[in-house]
C-alpha atoms as a PDB file:
ATOM      1  CA  PHE A   1      12.188   2.427  -7.753  1.00  0.00           C
ATOM      2  CA  LEU A   2      15.156   1.172  -5.766  1.00  0.00           C
ATOM      3  CA  PRO A   3      18.531   2.709  -6.634  1.00  0.00           C
ATOM      4  CA  LEU A   4      21.392   0.209  -6.687  1.00  0.00           C
ATOM      5  CA  LEU A   5      25.091   1.089  -6.658  1.00  0.00           C
ATOM      6  CA  SER A   6      27.764  -1.478  -7.422  1.00  0.00           C
ATOM      7  CA  GLU A   7      30.556   0.639  -5.946  1.00  0.00           C
ATOM      8  CA  PRO A   8      28.982   2.974  -3.373  1.00  0.00           C
ATOM      9  CA  SER A   9      30.734   5.251  -0.930  1.00  0.00           C
ATOM     10  CA  SER A  10      30.696   4.296   2.737  1.00  0.00           C
ATOM     11  CA  ALA A  11      27.934   6.868   3.292  1.00  0.00           C
ATOM     12  CA  TRP A  12      25.522   5.136   0.875  1.00  0.00           C
ATOM     13  CA  GLN A  13      22.486   3.754   2.705  1.00  0.00           C
ATOM     14  CA  GLY A  14      20.766   2.084  -0.255  1.00  0.00           C
ATOM     15  CA  LEU A  15      21.188  -1.220  -2.081  1.00  0.00           C
ATOM     16  CA  ARG A  16      24.682  -2.412  -2.888  1.00  0.00           C
ATOM     17  CA  GLY A  17      26.032  -4.925  -5.375  1.00  0.00           C
ATOM     18  CA  THR A  18      25.233  -5.877  -8.924  1.00  0.00           C
ATOM     19  CA  LEU A  19      21.835  -6.206 -10.545  1.00  0.00           C
ATOM     20  CA  LEU A  20      22.377  -9.944 -10.997  1.00  0.00           C
ATOM     21  CA  GLU A  21      23.184 -10.341  -7.280  1.00  0.00           C
ATOM     22  CA  GLN A  22      20.049  -8.425  -6.292  1.00  0.00           C
ATOM     23  CA  VAL A  23      17.800 -10.428  -8.629  1.00  0.00           C
ATOM     24  CA  GLU A  24      19.215 -13.697  -7.320  1.00  0.00           C
ATOM     25  CA  GLN A  25      18.768 -12.590  -3.709  1.00  0.00           C
ATOM     26  CA  ARG A  26      15.285 -11.033  -4.014  1.00  0.00           C
ATOM     27  CA  TYR A  27      13.579 -13.235  -6.599  1.00  0.00           C
ATOM     28  CA  LEU A  28      15.357 -16.586  -6.431  1.00  0.00           C
ATOM     29  CA  ARG A  29      16.600 -17.220  -2.882  1.00  0.00           C
ATOM     30  CA  ALA A  30      14.217 -15.151  -0.753  1.00  0.00           C
ATOM     31  CA  ASP A  31      11.021 -15.683  -2.745  1.00  0.00           C
ATOM     32  CA  ASN A  32       9.271 -18.823  -3.982  1.00  0.00           C
ATOM     33  CA  ASP A  33       6.557 -16.974  -5.934  1.00  0.00           C
ATOM     34  CA  ARG A  34       7.260 -17.857  -9.558  1.00  0.00           C
ATOM     35  CA  SER A  35       4.183 -16.066 -10.900  1.00  0.00           C
ATOM     36  CA  ARG A  36       5.979 -12.727 -11.241  1.00  0.00           C
ATOM     37  CA  HIS A  37       6.652 -11.139 -14.629  1.00  0.00           C
ATOM     38  CA  PHE A  38       9.870  -9.422 -15.675  1.00  0.00           C
ATOM     39  CA  TYR A  39      10.797  -7.033 -18.442  1.00  0.00           C
ATOM     40  CA  ILE A  40      14.530  -6.720 -18.961  1.00  0.00           C
ATOM     41  CA  CYS A  41      15.997  -4.172 -21.344  1.00  0.00           C
ATOM     42  CA  GLY A  42      19.455  -2.835 -21.932  1.00  0.00           C
ATOM     43  CA  ILE A  43      22.715  -3.555 -23.683  1.00  0.00           C
ATOM     44  CA  GLY A  44      25.285  -6.272 -23.348  1.00  0.00           C
ATOM     45  CA  ALA A  45      25.342  -9.790 -22.002  1.00  0.00           C
ATOM     46  CA  LEU A  46      23.561  -8.913 -18.748  1.00  0.00           C
ATOM     47  CA  VAL A  47      20.190  -8.853 -20.535  1.00  0.00           C
ATOM     48  CA  THR A  48      20.391 -12.473 -21.673  1.00  0.00           C
ATOM     49  CA  GLU A  49      22.153 -13.557 -18.484  1.00  0.00           C
ATOM     50  CA  LEU A  50      19.283 -12.249 -16.338  1.00  0.00           C
ATOM     51  CA  ARG A  51      16.760 -13.845 -18.702  1.00  0.00           C
ATOM     52  CA  ASP A  52      18.486 -17.215 -18.444  1.00  0.00           C
ATOM     53  CA  VAL A  53      18.877 -17.071 -14.658  1.00  0.00           C
ATOM     54  CA  LEU A  54      15.173 -16.303 -14.185  1.00  0.00           C
ATOM     55  CA  ARG A  55      14.012 -18.984 -16.608  1.00  0.00           C
ATOM     56  CA  GLN A  56      16.300 -21.603 -15.069  1.00  0.00           C
ATOM     57  CA  ALA A  57      14.892 -20.715 -11.651  1.00  0.00           C
ATOM     58  CA  GLY A  58      11.399 -21.701 -12.753  1.00  0.00           C
ATOM     59  CA  TYR A  59       9.842 -18.533 -14.123  1.00  0.00           C
ATOM     60  CA  GLU A  60       7.770 -19.268 -17.209  1.00  0.00           C
ATOM     61  CA  ARG A  61       9.231 -18.329 -20.566  1.00  0.00           C
ATOM     62  CA  ARG A  62       6.416 -15.865 -21.295  1.00  0.00           C
ATOM     63  CA  ALA A  63       6.917 -14.214 -17.874  1.00  0.00           C
ATOM     64  CA  VAL A  64      10.478 -13.154 -18.683  1.00  0.00           C
ATOM     65  CA  ASN A  65      10.469 -10.657 -21.549  1.00  0.00           C
ATOM     66  CA  TYR A  66      13.605  -8.974 -22.743  1.00  0.00           C
ATOM     67  CA  GLU A  67      14.849  -6.476 -25.275  1.00  0.00           C
ATOM     68  CA  LYS A  68      18.428  -5.763 -26.264  1.00  0.00           C
ATOM     69  CA  TRP A  69      19.146  -2.339 -27.699  1.00  0.00           C
END
């Protein structure tokens, strides 16, 4: 579990930014292992946006599962 704040105070020591930015940094730019599996769930366009970004980066279709509420 890694908490992520998009608008943290200056005292925040954890991850900063958006979920999309973190996924792109951790699983697309800094990692070439495309055997990982993802389960994305939530509301709104971010669910399908994350799905599409991961699939376009080379993750197999069956490795990127998603559910929109």
